[in-house]
């Protein structure tokens, strides 16, 4: 058996000094850990290696069912939600075959657009609009002038949420009463320039998560001030030009040869709406109530907010002409936002540091 060599006095001193240096350097880290109970220490140790920091798309699009619920609720599958709405309609037809279509529609609206569900949508819409107004107003004068801010906030303020009853509100699109769809619509006639958000009946069944409602309504409301809407209004904002250029240069907006700005094969409006919705969602994830969420609850809240962006092959057709690919929307526009990454406990990356801004 070989005898163990004794360490020389010089080596011992060197080892001792190194150990002291390591402890001093790591002191802030251990203090950081010591502020939490033991049950949360391992969560912080492994926080930066979780999938959300590197492959958020796979994490979001693979989670389904009750296990994906956040503290405010879950997000049901599109087709499942629409099936629930159609069952109600079918039962009305079976129970009252003699009723005219208009009467059936009113009873369908009464069953789907209940006061509680309407209130959830209305309160979220109002909160989203306030958040967007704050975002516009806080921009420096070098980014948006007072007149430009007034124009944008005026458009946001005049865009209304259009919810039944009566069913006649959607008389030009009656199928929406059983669809999982939310969209922005502008109607411009002689003496009328109306901007509204419409909400399909099945969406009320699907979006139990408040964070999903925040992102969805923010996305649609953002269309009222997107670059193409502003262009159609005869305005041009330097801040928008810079932001649009950034979205294109970073590959968030595809530029095929067939693309025409605000026309065929142009994804700019949808990329802008995603970008704006992410700003609003980041604020929602920082509210006083959500500050008390666990890491897992925050992760599920963030995932539920954009679960609708996942492509569902064979189920619903994805509009790739006007929308960036699902992975770009989730991984890049959402996942590289600095505020979102900070809330999820993810480190900055070169992409997140170069994230597009108005400035």
Protein backbone atom coordinates (compact mmCIF):
# COMPACT_ATOMS: atom_id res chain seq x y z
CA UNK A 1 0.00 0.00 0.00
CA UNK A 2 1.34 3.38 -0.99
CA UNK A 3 1.84 5.90 1.74
CA UNK A 4 -0.08 9.11 1.38
CA UNK A 5 2.12 12.09 0.75
CA UNK A 6 1.83 14.89 3.23
CA UNK A 7 1.06 18.31 1.86
CA UNK A 8 3.80 20.88 2.29
CA UNK A 9 3.18 23.95 4.38
CA UNK A 10 3.21 26.14 1.23
CA UNK A 11 0.58 23.97 -0.47
CA UNK A 12 -1.62 24.00 2.65
CA UNK A 13 -1.51 27.78 2.80
CA UNK A 14 -2.37 27.98 -0.92
CA UNK A 15 -5.36 25.64 -0.50
CA UNK A 16 -6.60 27.61 2.52
CA UNK A 17 -6.43 30.91 0.65
CA UNK A 18 -8.26 29.42 -2.34
CA UNK A 19 -10.99 28.07 -0.09
CA UNK A 20 -11.46 31.48 1.55
CA UNK A 21 -11.69 33.15 -1.87
CA UNK A 22 -14.33 30.68 -3.04
CA UNK A 23 -16.41 31.24 0.09
CA UNK A 24 -16.14 35.02 -0.20
CA UNK A 25 -17.04 34.98 -3.89
CA UNK A 26 -20.02 32.71 -3.30
CA UNK A 27 -21.28 34.51 -0.19
CA UNK A 28 -23.85 36.60 -2.09
CA UNK A 29 -25.13 33.44 -3.80
CA UNK A 30 -25.61 31.59 -0.51
CA UNK A 31 -27.20 34.68 1.00
CA UNK A 32 -29.54 34.71 -2.02
CA UNK A 33 -30.47 31.10 -1.29
CA UNK A 34 -30.78 31.64 2.45
CA UNK A 35 -33.68 34.01 1.97
CA UNK A 36 -35.92 31.10 0.95
CA UNK A 37 -37.13 28.07 2.86
CA UNK A 38 -35.24 24.82 2.09
CA UNK A 39 -38.07 23.61 -0.16
CA UNK A 40 -37.36 26.42 -2.64
CA UNK A 41 -33.56 26.26 -2.64
CA UNK A 42 -33.37 23.44 -5.18
CA UNK A 43 -35.85 25.33 -7.36
CA UNK A 44 -33.44 28.28 -7.53
CA UNK A 45 -30.41 26.09 -8.07
CA UNK A 46 -31.94 24.51 -11.18
CA UNK A 47 -33.96 27.51 -12.31
CA UNK A 48 -31.71 28.51 -15.19
CA UNK A 49 -31.60 25.05 -16.74
CA UNK A 50 -35.31 24.50 -17.19
CA UNK A 51 -36.80 24.07 -20.70
CA UNK A 52 -38.50 27.48 -20.68
CA UNK A 53 -35.13 29.15 -21.02
CA UNK A 54 -34.06 27.20 -24.11
CA UNK A 55 -37.09 25.56 -25.75
CA UNK A 56 -40.23 27.30 -24.62
CA UNK A 57 -42.10 26.26 -27.76
CA UNK A 58 -41.85 22.55 -26.98
CA UNK A 59 -42.82 23.14 -23.37
CA UNK A 60 -45.91 25.19 -24.25
CA UNK A 61 -47.14 23.04 -27.11
CA UNK A 62 -46.70 19.71 -25.35
CA UNK A 63 -48.66 20.55 -22.21
CA UNK A 64 -52.39 19.92 -22.23
CA UNK A 65 -55.16 19.01 -19.84
CA UNK A 66 -55.71 19.86 -16.20
CA UNK A 67 -51.99 19.53 -15.45
CA UNK A 68 -51.36 22.74 -17.38
CA UNK A 69 -53.74 24.89 -15.30
CA UNK A 70 -52.33 28.06 -13.75
CA UNK A 71 -53.76 29.72 -10.60
CA UNK A 72 -56.46 31.46 -12.68
CA UNK A 73 -57.53 28.51 -14.82
CA UNK A 74 -56.65 26.42 -17.86
CA UNK A 75 -56.93 26.61 -21.65
CA UNK A 76 -59.10 24.04 -23.37
CA UNK A 77 -58.44 22.66 -26.83
CA UNK A 78 -60.02 24.67 -29.67
CA UNK A 79 -62.10 21.83 -31.06
CA UNK A 80 -63.18 20.66 -27.63
CA UNK A 81 -64.45 24.13 -26.74
CA UNK A 82 -66.27 24.47 -30.05
CA UNK A 83 -67.86 21.05 -29.56
CA UNK A 84 -69.25 22.21 -26.21
CA UNK A 85 -70.82 25.27 -27.83
CA UNK A 86 -72.30 23.21 -30.67
CA UNK A 87 -73.82 20.74 -28.21
CA UNK A 88 -75.82 23.60 -26.67
CA UNK A 89 -76.98 24.68 -30.12
CA UNK A 90 -77.93 21.13 -31.11
CA UNK A 91 -79.94 20.68 -27.92
CA UNK A 92 -81.85 23.89 -28.66
CA UNK A 93 -82.71 22.64 -32.15
CA UNK A 94 -83.78 19.23 -30.79
CA UNK A 95 -85.85 20.70 -27.96
CA UNK A 96 -87.46 23.48 -29.97
CA UNK A 97 -87.54 22.51 -33.66
CA UNK A 98 -90.34 25.02 -34.29
CA UNK A 99 -88.39 28.04 -33.12
CA UNK A 100 -87.18 30.50 -35.76
CA UNK A 101 -83.41 30.85 -36.17
CA UNK A 102 -83.40 34.28 -34.51
CA UNK A 103 -85.00 32.93 -31.33
CA UNK A 104 -82.61 29.99 -31.17
CA UNK A 105 -79.68 32.37 -31.52
CA UNK A 106 -80.90 34.51 -28.63
CA UNK A 107 -81.25 31.46 -26.35
CA UNK A 108 -77.83 30.24 -27.48
CA UNK A 109 -76.32 33.59 -26.54
CA UNK A 110 -78.07 33.48 -23.18
CA UNK A 111 -76.56 30.05 -22.46
CA UNK A 112 -73.02 30.90 -23.61
CA UNK A 113 -72.51 34.61 -22.98
CA UNK A 114 -73.50 34.46 -19.32
CA UNK A 115 -73.06 37.52 -17.06
CA UNK A 116 -70.04 35.89 -15.35
CA UNK A 117 -68.27 35.07 -18.62
CA UNK A 118 -69.06 38.48 -20.07
CA UNK A 119 -67.65 40.14 -16.96
CA UNK A 120 -64.41 38.15 -17.22
CA UNK A 121 -63.90 39.26 -20.80
CA UNK A 122 -64.96 42.85 -20.15
CA UNK A 123 -62.70 43.30 -17.13
CA UNK A 124 -59.74 41.80 -18.98
CA UNK A 125 -60.36 44.02 -22.00
CA UNK A 126 -60.45 47.13 -19.83
CA UNK A 127 -57.25 46.12 -18.01
CA UNK A 128 -55.48 45.39 -21.28
CA UNK A 129 -56.47 48.72 -22.79
CA UNK A 130 -55.25 50.60 -19.70
CA UNK A 131 -51.92 48.75 -19.86
CA UNK A 132 -51.53 49.60 -23.54
CA UNK A 133 -52.36 53.25 -22.91
CA UNK A 134 -49.69 53.35 -20.19
CA UNK A 135 -47.16 51.84 -22.57
CA UNK A 136 -47.85 54.51 -25.18
CA UNK A 137 -47.89 57.41 -22.73
CA UNK A 138 -44.61 56.51 -21.05
CA UNK A 139 -42.63 56.65 -24.30
CA UNK A 140 -40.17 59.58 -24.42
CA UNK A 141 -40.96 62.54 -26.65
CA UNK A 142 -38.01 61.55 -28.81
CA UNK A 143 -39.84 58.30 -29.62
CA UNK A 144 -43.46 59.43 -29.84
CA UNK A 145 -44.47 63.08 -29.96
CA UNK A 146 -47.44 64.36 -28.00
CA UNK A 147 -49.56 64.44 -31.15
CA UNK A 148 -48.56 60.89 -32.07
CA UNK A 149 -49.41 59.64 -28.58
CA UNK A 150 -52.77 61.39 -28.76
CA UNK A 151 -53.52 59.76 -32.10
CA UNK A 152 -52.64 56.26 -30.83
CA UNK A 153 -54.44 56.58 -27.49
CA UNK A 154 -57.50 57.97 -29.26
CA UNK A 155 -57.65 54.92 -31.51
CA UNK A 156 -57.27 52.60 -28.53
CA UNK A 157 -59.92 54.46 -26.58
CA UNK A 158 -62.44 54.31 -29.40
CA UNK A 159 -61.97 50.61 -30.10
CA UNK A 160 -64.85 48.86 -28.38
CA UNK A 161 -65.49 45.34 -27.13
CA UNK A 162 -68.54 43.96 -28.89
CA UNK A 163 -70.21 41.15 -26.92
CA UNK A 164 -73.70 39.68 -27.29
CA UNK A 165 -76.49 39.87 -26.28
CA UNK A 166 -78.24 40.60 -28.48
CA UNK A 167 -77.30 37.87 -30.92
CA UNK A 168 -77.96 40.36 -33.69
CA UNK A 169 -74.59 42.00 -33.00
CA UNK A 170 -73.05 39.13 -34.93
CA UNK A 171 -75.81 38.81 -37.53
CA UNK A 172 -73.23 39.18 -40.30
CA UNK A 173 -71.15 36.36 -38.78
CA UNK A 174 -73.58 34.07 -36.89
CA UNK A 175 -71.18 31.11 -36.83
CA UNK A 176 -68.96 33.11 -34.47
CA UNK A 177 -71.39 32.30 -31.65
CA UNK A 178 -70.01 28.73 -31.54
CA UNK A 179 -66.42 29.37 -32.69
CA UNK A 180 -63.22 29.67 -30.67
CA UNK A 181 -62.13 32.89 -32.29
CA UNK A 182 -61.40 36.47 -31.29
CA UNK A 183 -60.77 39.15 -33.88
CA UNK A 184 -60.43 42.86 -34.51
CA UNK A 185 -62.71 44.41 -37.10
CA UNK A 186 -62.80 47.83 -38.66
CA UNK A 187 -65.84 49.08 -40.53
CA UNK A 188 -65.32 52.22 -42.54
CA UNK A 189 -68.29 53.74 -44.31
CA UNK A 190 -69.35 57.26 -45.29
CA UNK A 191 -69.89 58.76 -41.85
CA UNK A 192 -68.82 55.78 -39.80
CA UNK A 193 -65.41 54.51 -38.72
CA UNK A 194 -66.05 51.71 -36.25
CA UNK A 195 -63.39 49.55 -34.60
CA UNK A 196 -64.47 46.60 -32.48
CA UNK A 197 -63.21 43.37 -30.94
CA UNK A 198 -65.47 40.36 -31.33
CA UNK A 199 -65.29 37.25 -29.17
CA UNK A 200 -66.53 33.85 -30.29
CA UNK A 201 -68.76 31.86 -27.95
CA UNK A 202 -66.44 28.85 -27.77
CA UNK A 203 -63.59 31.09 -26.64
CA UNK A 204 -65.54 31.75 -23.44
CA UNK A 205 -65.39 28.01 -22.79
CA UNK A 206 -61.74 27.67 -23.81
CA UNK A 207 -60.05 30.57 -22.00
CA UNK A 208 -60.42 29.93 -18.30
CA UNK A 209 -56.91 31.27 -17.75
CA UNK A 210 -56.87 35.03 -17.28
CA UNK A 211 -53.38 35.17 -18.78
CA UNK A 212 -54.69 33.68 -22.01
CA UNK A 213 -57.40 36.33 -22.10
CA UNK A 214 -54.81 39.05 -21.48
CA UNK A 215 -52.57 38.00 -24.35
CA UNK A 216 -55.43 37.27 -26.78
CA UNK A 217 -57.31 40.52 -26.19
CA UNK A 218 -54.08 42.54 -26.15
CA UNK A 219 -53.07 41.01 -29.49
CA UNK A 220 -56.40 41.89 -31.10
CA UNK A 221 -56.57 45.36 -29.57
CA UNK A 222 -53.04 46.03 -30.83
CA UNK A 223 -54.37 45.66 -34.37
CA UNK A 224 -56.21 48.94 -33.90
CA UNK A 225 -52.81 50.67 -33.82
CA UNK A 226 -50.68 48.29 -35.88
CA UNK A 227 -48.45 49.69 -38.65
CA UNK A 228 -50.90 48.85 -41.42
CA UNK A 229 -53.86 50.43 -39.62
CA UNK A 230 -51.81 53.56 -39.03
CA UNK A 231 -50.73 53.56 -42.66
CA UNK A 232 -54.32 53.22 -43.84
CA UNK A 233 -55.19 56.21 -41.65
CA UNK A 234 -52.66 58.25 -43.61
CA UNK A 235 -50.05 58.48 -40.86
CA UNK A 236 -46.43 57.43 -40.62
CA UNK A 237 -44.60 57.16 -37.32
CA UNK A 238 -40.77 57.09 -37.22
CA UNK A 239 -40.95 54.85 -34.13
CA UNK A 240 -43.00 52.35 -36.12
CA UNK A 241 -40.58 52.48 -39.02
CA UNK A 242 -37.71 51.62 -36.69
CA UNK A 243 -39.63 48.84 -34.94
CA UNK A 244 -40.80 47.35 -38.25
CA UNK A 245 -37.27 47.39 -39.62
CA UNK A 246 -36.04 45.61 -36.50
CA UNK A 247 -38.74 42.91 -36.72
CA UNK A 248 -37.79 42.28 -40.34
CA UNK A 249 -34.01 42.35 -39.81
CA UNK A 250 -34.28 39.85 -36.97
CA UNK A 251 -36.26 37.45 -39.13
CA UNK A 252 -39.49 37.78 -37.16
CA UNK A 253 -41.28 38.90 -40.30
CA UNK A 254 -40.73 36.83 -43.42
CA UNK A 255 -39.81 38.69 -46.59
CA UNK A 256 -40.60 36.46 -49.58
CA UNK A 257 -40.44 37.94 -53.08
CA UNK A 258 -44.24 37.92 -53.17
CA UNK A 259 -44.53 40.15 -50.09
CA UNK A 260 -46.11 43.56 -50.36
CA UNK A 261 -46.20 45.83 -47.32
CA UNK A 262 -49.59 45.57 -45.61
CA UNK A 263 -50.73 43.30 -48.42
CA UNK A 264 -50.01 39.86 -49.74
CA UNK A 265 -47.67 37.60 -47.71
CA UNK A 266 -47.04 40.33 -45.15
CA UNK A 267 -46.69 39.26 -41.51
CA UNK A 268 -45.87 42.69 -40.10
CA UNK A 269 -49.28 43.43 -38.56
CA UNK A 270 -49.44 40.08 -36.78
CA UNK A 271 -45.83 40.26 -35.57
CA UNK A 272 -46.51 43.76 -34.22
CA UNK A 273 -49.67 42.58 -32.44
CA UNK A 274 -47.73 39.71 -30.84
CA UNK A 275 -44.94 42.10 -29.83
CA UNK A 276 -47.38 44.53 -28.23
CA UNK A 277 -49.33 41.77 -26.48
CA UNK A 278 -46.10 40.45 -24.93
CA UNK A 279 -45.44 43.88 -23.38
CA UNK A 280 -48.90 43.83 -21.79
CA UNK A 281 -48.55 40.23 -20.62
CA UNK A 282 -45.16 40.91 -19.02
CA UNK A 283 -46.87 43.55 -16.88
CA UNK A 284 -49.70 41.14 -15.99
CA UNK A 285 -47.14 38.60 -14.76
CA UNK A 286 -45.72 41.24 -12.43
CA UNK A 287 -48.93 42.19 -10.58
CA UNK A 288 -49.01 42.12 -6.80
CA UNK A 289 -51.06 38.92 -6.84
CA UNK A 290 -48.83 37.06 -9.28
CA UNK A 291 -45.76 38.07 -7.28
CA UNK A 292 -46.76 35.37 -4.80
CA UNK A 293 -46.90 32.61 -7.43
CA UNK A 294 -44.39 29.78 -7.27
CA UNK A 295 -41.94 29.27 -10.14
CA UNK A 296 -44.14 26.48 -11.48
CA UNK A 297 -47.27 28.63 -11.32
CA UNK A 298 -45.56 31.49 -13.16
CA UNK A 299 -44.33 29.08 -15.82
CA UNK A 300 -47.83 27.68 -16.35
CA UNK A 301 -49.33 31.18 -16.43
CA UNK A 302 -46.87 32.23 -19.14
CA UNK A 303 -47.43 29.03 -21.10
CA UNK A 304 -51.21 29.33 -20.96
CA UNK A 305 -51.07 32.89 -22.23
CA UNK A 306 -49.76 31.79 -25.63
CA UNK A 307 -50.98 28.20 -25.88
CA UNK A 308 -53.26 29.25 -28.76
CA UNK A 309 -50.18 30.02 -30.87
CA UNK A 310 -49.25 26.34 -31.13
CA UNK A 311 -49.87 24.81 -34.54
CA UNK A 312 -52.23 21.84 -34.48
CA UNK A 313 -51.49 19.78 -37.62
CA UNK A 314 -54.60 18.16 -39.02
CA UNK A 315 -56.95 20.09 -36.74
CA UNK A 316 -56.99 23.77 -37.64
CA UNK A 317 -55.47 25.49 -40.65
CA UNK A 318 -52.65 27.86 -39.71
CA UNK A 319 -52.55 31.18 -41.56
CA UNK A 320 -48.88 31.25 -42.50
CA UNK A 321 -49.43 34.02 -45.06
CA UNK A 322 -50.04 36.69 -42.44
CA UNK A 323 -48.71 35.06 -39.24
CA UNK A 324 -45.08 34.24 -38.47
CA UNK A 325 -44.46 30.53 -37.80
CA UNK A 326 -45.60 29.26 -34.43
CA UNK A 327 -42.04 28.69 -33.24
CA UNK A 328 -41.03 32.25 -34.14
CA UNK A 329 -44.00 33.70 -32.29
CA UNK A 330 -43.44 31.62 -29.15
CA UNK A 331 -39.67 31.23 -29.04
CA UNK A 332 -38.60 34.60 -30.44
CA UNK A 333 -41.26 37.30 -30.02
CA UNK A 334 -42.42 35.94 -26.67
CA UNK A 335 -39.49 33.95 -25.32
CA UNK A 336 -36.78 36.53 -26.03
CA UNK A 337 -38.60 39.42 -24.38
CA UNK A 338 -36.29 40.58 -21.53
CA UNK A 339 -39.13 41.17 -19.05
CA UNK A 340 -40.61 37.73 -19.73
CA UNK A 341 -37.23 36.06 -19.33
CA UNK A 342 -36.59 37.89 -16.07
CA UNK A 343 -39.98 36.81 -14.71
CA UNK A 344 -39.27 33.19 -15.64
CA UNK A 345 -35.82 33.38 -14.07
CA UNK A 346 -33.99 32.95 -17.37
CA UNK A 347 -30.65 34.61 -18.11
CA UNK A 348 -30.28 37.19 -20.86
CA UNK A 349 -29.07 36.07 -24.27
CA UNK A 350 -27.64 38.05 -27.20
CA UNK A 351 -31.10 37.81 -28.81
CA UNK A 352 -32.93 39.11 -25.75
CA UNK A 353 -30.46 41.97 -25.38
CA UNK A 354 -31.17 42.97 -28.99
CA UNK A 355 -34.95 42.63 -28.55
CA UNK A 356 -36.87 45.09 -30.72
CA UNK A 357 -38.12 48.28 -29.09
CA UNK A 358 -39.85 51.51 -30.06
CA UNK A 359 -36.70 53.42 -29.17
